[in-house]
Each structure stands twice: as structure tokens, then as C-alpha cells.
Protein backbone atom coordinates (compact mmCIF):
# COMPACT_ATOMS: atom_id res chain seq x y z
CA UNK A 1 75.69 125.53 237.38
CA UNK A 2 78.06 125.34 234.42
CA UNK A 3 76.38 127.64 231.98
CA UNK A 4 75.89 130.07 234.74
CA UNK A 5 79.92 130.24 235.75
CA UNK A 6 80.02 130.89 232.39
CA UNK A 7 77.61 134.21 231.83
CA UNK A 8 78.90 135.03 235.02
CA UNK A 9 83.27 135.18 233.94
CA UNK A 10 81.54 137.11 230.68
CA UNK A 11 79.83 139.55 232.65
CA UNK A 12 83.10 140.14 233.81
CA UNK A 13 84.75 141.01 230.92
CA UNK A 14 86.81 137.95 230.13
CA UNK A 15 86.63 135.58 226.52
CA UNK A 16 85.37 132.24 227.45
CA UNK A 17 87.31 131.49 224.72
CA UNK A 18 90.74 131.88 225.98
CA UNK A 19 92.76 129.39 226.55
CA UNK A 20 93.05 129.49 230.67
CA UNK A 21 89.25 129.97 230.46
CA UNK A 22 88.25 127.69 228.93
CA UNK A 23 87.28 124.66 231.12
CA UNK A 24 86.63 127.03 233.50
CA UNK A 25 82.87 127.71 233.91
CA UNK A 26 83.51 124.29 234.63
CA UNK A 27 85.93 123.65 236.81
CA UNK A 28 84.22 126.46 238.93
CA UNK A 29 80.84 124.29 238.33
CA UNK A 30 82.72 121.29 240.39
CA UNK A 31 84.30 123.41 243.11
CA UNK A 32 81.15 125.12 243.65
CA UNK A 33 79.69 122.34 244.31
CA UNK A 34 82.10 120.67 246.51
CA UNK A 35 82.17 124.10 248.86
CA UNK A 36 78.59 123.37 249.09
CA UNK A 37 78.03 119.52 249.23
CA UNK A 38 76.76 120.37 253.63
CA UNK A 39 73.60 120.14 250.95
CA UNK A 40 73.78 116.50 250.21
CA UNK A 41 74.32 115.07 253.47
CA UNK A 42 72.42 114.65 255.88
CA UNK A 43 73.03 114.19 260.55
CA UNK A 44 71.54 110.58 259.79
CA UNK A 45 74.00 109.89 256.98
CA UNK A 46 77.24 111.52 258.47
CA UNK A 47 76.65 110.56 262.18
CA UNK A 48 76.23 106.15 261.24
CA UNK A 49 74.87 105.64 264.69
CA UNK A 50 78.11 106.26 265.86
CA UNK A 51 76.61 106.47 269.37
CA UNK A 52 79.01 104.44 271.79
CA UNK A 53 77.63 103.07 275.66
CA UNK A 54 80.42 105.23 278.29
CA UNK A 55 79.70 106.20 282.01
CA UNK A 56 81.49 109.04 281.43
CA UNK A 57 79.97 111.89 282.43
CA UNK A 58 83.28 114.47 282.14
CA UNK A 59 83.77 117.18 279.27
CA UNK A 60 84.01 116.07 276.16
CA UNK A 61 86.10 118.16 273.79
CA UNK A 62 86.93 118.66 269.84
CA UNK A 63 89.00 121.64 270.07
CA UNK A 64 90.22 122.96 266.39
CA UNK A 65 88.87 120.97 263.83
CA UNK A 66 89.04 123.05 260.85
CA UNK A 67 86.51 125.12 258.87
CA UNK A 68 85.38 126.54 255.57
CA UNK A 69 82.17 127.94 254.58
CA UNK A 70 80.17 130.50 251.90
CA UNK A 71 79.12 133.17 253.23
CA UNK A 72 75.68 133.57 251.85
CA UNK A 73 75.75 137.30 251.29
CA UNK A 74 78.42 137.75 249.71
CA UNK A 75 79.52 133.93 248.69
CA UNK A 76 83.59 134.40 250.35
CA UNK A 77 84.81 131.91 252.29
CA UNK A 78 85.46 132.67 255.42
CA UNK A 79 87.55 130.04 257.30
CA UNK A 80 88.45 129.00 260.35
CA UNK A 81 87.76 126.95 263.53
CA UNK A 82 85.83 124.89 265.89
CA UNK A 83 85.93 124.30 269.18
CA UNK A 84 83.08 121.59 270.19
CA UNK A 85 82.73 119.80 273.80
CA UNK A 86 80.23 117.66 275.71
CA UNK A 87 78.90 115.71 279.64
CA UNK A 88 77.86 112.99 278.05
CA UNK A 89 74.35 111.67 279.62
CA UNK A 90 74.88 107.97 279.24
CA UNK A 91 76.40 107.68 275.26
CA UNK A 92 78.74 109.39 273.76
CA UNK A 93 80.08 110.30 269.85
CA UNK A 94 82.09 108.68 267.71
CA UNK A 95 84.98 111.26 267.50
CA UNK A 96 84.89 112.12 263.70
CA UNK A 97 82.20 112.79 263.77
CA UNK A 98 82.14 115.63 265.80
CA UNK A 99 84.33 117.23 263.12
CA UNK A 100 81.71 116.05 260.26
CA UNK A 101 78.77 117.18 262.40
CA UNK A 102 81.00 120.52 261.98
CA UNK A 103 81.33 119.82 257.92
CA UNK A 104 77.69 119.63 257.25
CA UNK A 105 76.09 122.50 257.88
CA UNK A 106 79.89 124.56 257.20
CA UNK A 107 78.92 123.49 253.61
CA UNK A 108 76.43 124.73 253.20
CA UNK A 109 75.83 129.37 252.53
CA UNK A 110 76.27 129.99 256.02
CA UNK A 111 76.61 133.26 258.26
CA UNK A 112 79.04 132.34 261.65
CA UNK A 113 76.49 133.58 264.21
CA UNK A 114 73.77 130.32 262.60
CA UNK A 115 76.77 128.36 262.27
CA UNK A 116 77.63 128.27 265.02
CA UNK A 117 73.75 126.79 266.97
CA UNK A 118 73.44 124.75 264.72
CA UNK A 119 76.39 122.74 265.69
CA UNK A 120 75.91 123.01 269.07
CA UNK A 121 71.76 121.21 268.56
CA UNK A 122 72.79 119.07 266.74
CA UNK A 123 75.64 117.36 268.63
CA UNK A 124 72.60 118.50 272.38
CA UNK A 125 70.11 116.11 269.45
CA UNK A 126 72.37 113.55 268.42
CA UNK A 127 74.66 112.76 271.65
CA UNK A 128 71.45 113.46 274.42
CA UNK A 129 74.04 115.76 276.11
CA UNK A 130 73.17 117.54 279.52
CA UNK A 131 75.43 120.07 278.03
CA UNK A 132 77.02 121.29 274.50
CA UNK A 133 79.47 123.99 274.51
CA UNK A 134 80.87 125.71 270.04
CA UNK A 135 82.98 128.62 270.20
CA UNK A 136 83.65 129.90 266.44
CA UNK A 137 86.57 132.27 265.32
CA UNK A 138 87.41 132.54 262.26
CA UNK A 139 88.37 135.11 259.72
CA UNK A 140 85.74 136.13 256.36
CA UNK A 141 86.94 137.48 252.89
CA UNK A 142 84.14 139.85 252.79
CA UNK A 143 85.17 141.68 254.96
CA UNK A 144 88.82 141.22 254.24
CA UNK A 145 88.71 141.59 250.03
CA UNK A 146 86.07 144.04 250.03
CA UNK A 147 84.00 146.46 252.65
CA UNK A 148 86.55 147.37 255.04
CA UNK A 149 89.50 145.08 253.36
CA UNK A 150 90.52 144.38 257.11
CA UNK A 151 92.89 141.87 257.12
CA UNK A 152 93.13 141.89 261.01
CA UNK A 153 89.85 140.79 262.22
CA UNK A 154 88.68 137.40 263.37
CA UNK A 155 85.07 136.63 265.04
CA UNK A 156 83.73 134.95 267.83
CA UNK A 157 80.88 133.18 267.38
CA UNK A 158 79.26 130.36 270.78
CA UNK A 159 76.69 128.90 271.57
CA UNK A 160 76.36 127.45 274.99
CA UNK A 161 73.40 124.81 275.85
CA UNK A 162 72.43 122.96 278.88
CA UNK A 163 74.81 123.16 281.81
CA UNK A 164 77.30 124.48 279.41
CA UNK A 165 74.74 128.08 279.89
CA UNK A 166 73.27 127.31 283.59
CA UNK A 167 76.86 126.35 284.95
CA UNK A 168 79.66 128.68 285.52
CA UNK A 169 81.32 125.90 286.48
CA UNK A 170 80.99 123.88 283.10
CA UNK A 171 81.57 126.89 281.33
CA UNK A 172 84.70 127.78 282.80
CA UNK A 173 86.32 124.73 282.46
CA UNK A 174 84.85 125.15 279.02
CA UNK A 175 86.56 128.35 278.11
CA UNK A 176 89.82 127.44 280.21
CA UNK A 177 90.48 123.71 278.21
CA UNK A 178 90.83 126.43 275.11
CA UNK A 179 93.02 128.16 276.95
CA UNK A 180 95.45 125.16 277.77
CA UNK A 181 97.03 125.54 274.15
CA UNK A 182 97.14 128.86 273.02
């Protein structure tokens, strides 16, 4: 990967012997590996059996989970927040594990629409929940730094599974809880 970064830097017309660029291919390769570390993680690894028995059947919401991902079309960042809610059926997921699931999929080359669905499906599969709702709000550098250059655009995507799709009351509760902190 380091050699490929060197080729890219040279292809834009830079001199790799310039003091500021001498170690850049190495640093860029290390950074890119970090930014795409989701490929080296599995859901099983990050959840690590952190499912706990619970009599709760009320909505669990983890709001404002920061996310950082790379657009698979331009390799530019998109940055935002993710809101994940689920209705447990006999077990709850360790709190930090919700954020870790977000990161497993966000730290891959992505489109936001797929990322939203991957998170929702995974939380549903891992918890056996009655329903799952996921909303992502993000700003895309591929739209801000190039192309149409729209600085204030925010993309919002949602995935509603189970009772979040089938029950207007559950969906409304989720959406009203999100508005509490706005």
C-alpha cells in the first residue's frame, strides 16, 4: 500500500524527496489501514458475547454515535452521527457494543444507504429484537469538496425493521425521542 501511495503522490506532480513528503507514503498507508479497519473486524469479535438477560421490553436508544466512513465512489470521508434503537426480547446488548457495531461497518468503503441497513440488520440478528430503527445523518466530503460543492447539505437515511416498520407507534416513539435533544 505504501508503494501505491508513493505512486499517487508522484502522479499528482509532487517530489517524494521533498522533506515534508519523505515519510508520507508510509503515514498515508498506516492512516488508510486505520480508516478501513472494519475489514479486519467481525461482529462476533466486537460483540464478544455481551448479551445480557433482561425483562425489559421497552425501547433502548443509543443516540448521536459519531461515525466516520469513506465514500466508496471517491474515497473521501463522510462524517456524521448514527442513532440506533431496538426493542429487546429477553436480552440486551452491552451499550458500547452498539457503537462498535456502527464502527465495524462505517470503517469500510461505504455508501450511507448500505451502511444504515447493515447496522440495522446486524443489531436485529445479534439481539433477536422485536424491531430495530437506525437513522444516520452525515455530511459527505465528496459533495462538499468537489462536484457540486454544497457545504451545508446533510444526508439522512433510515432503516426500520420489525416493529419499527410495522408499528406507527413504535416508529413515532423513536422519532420523538430523537427530537428531545434537538
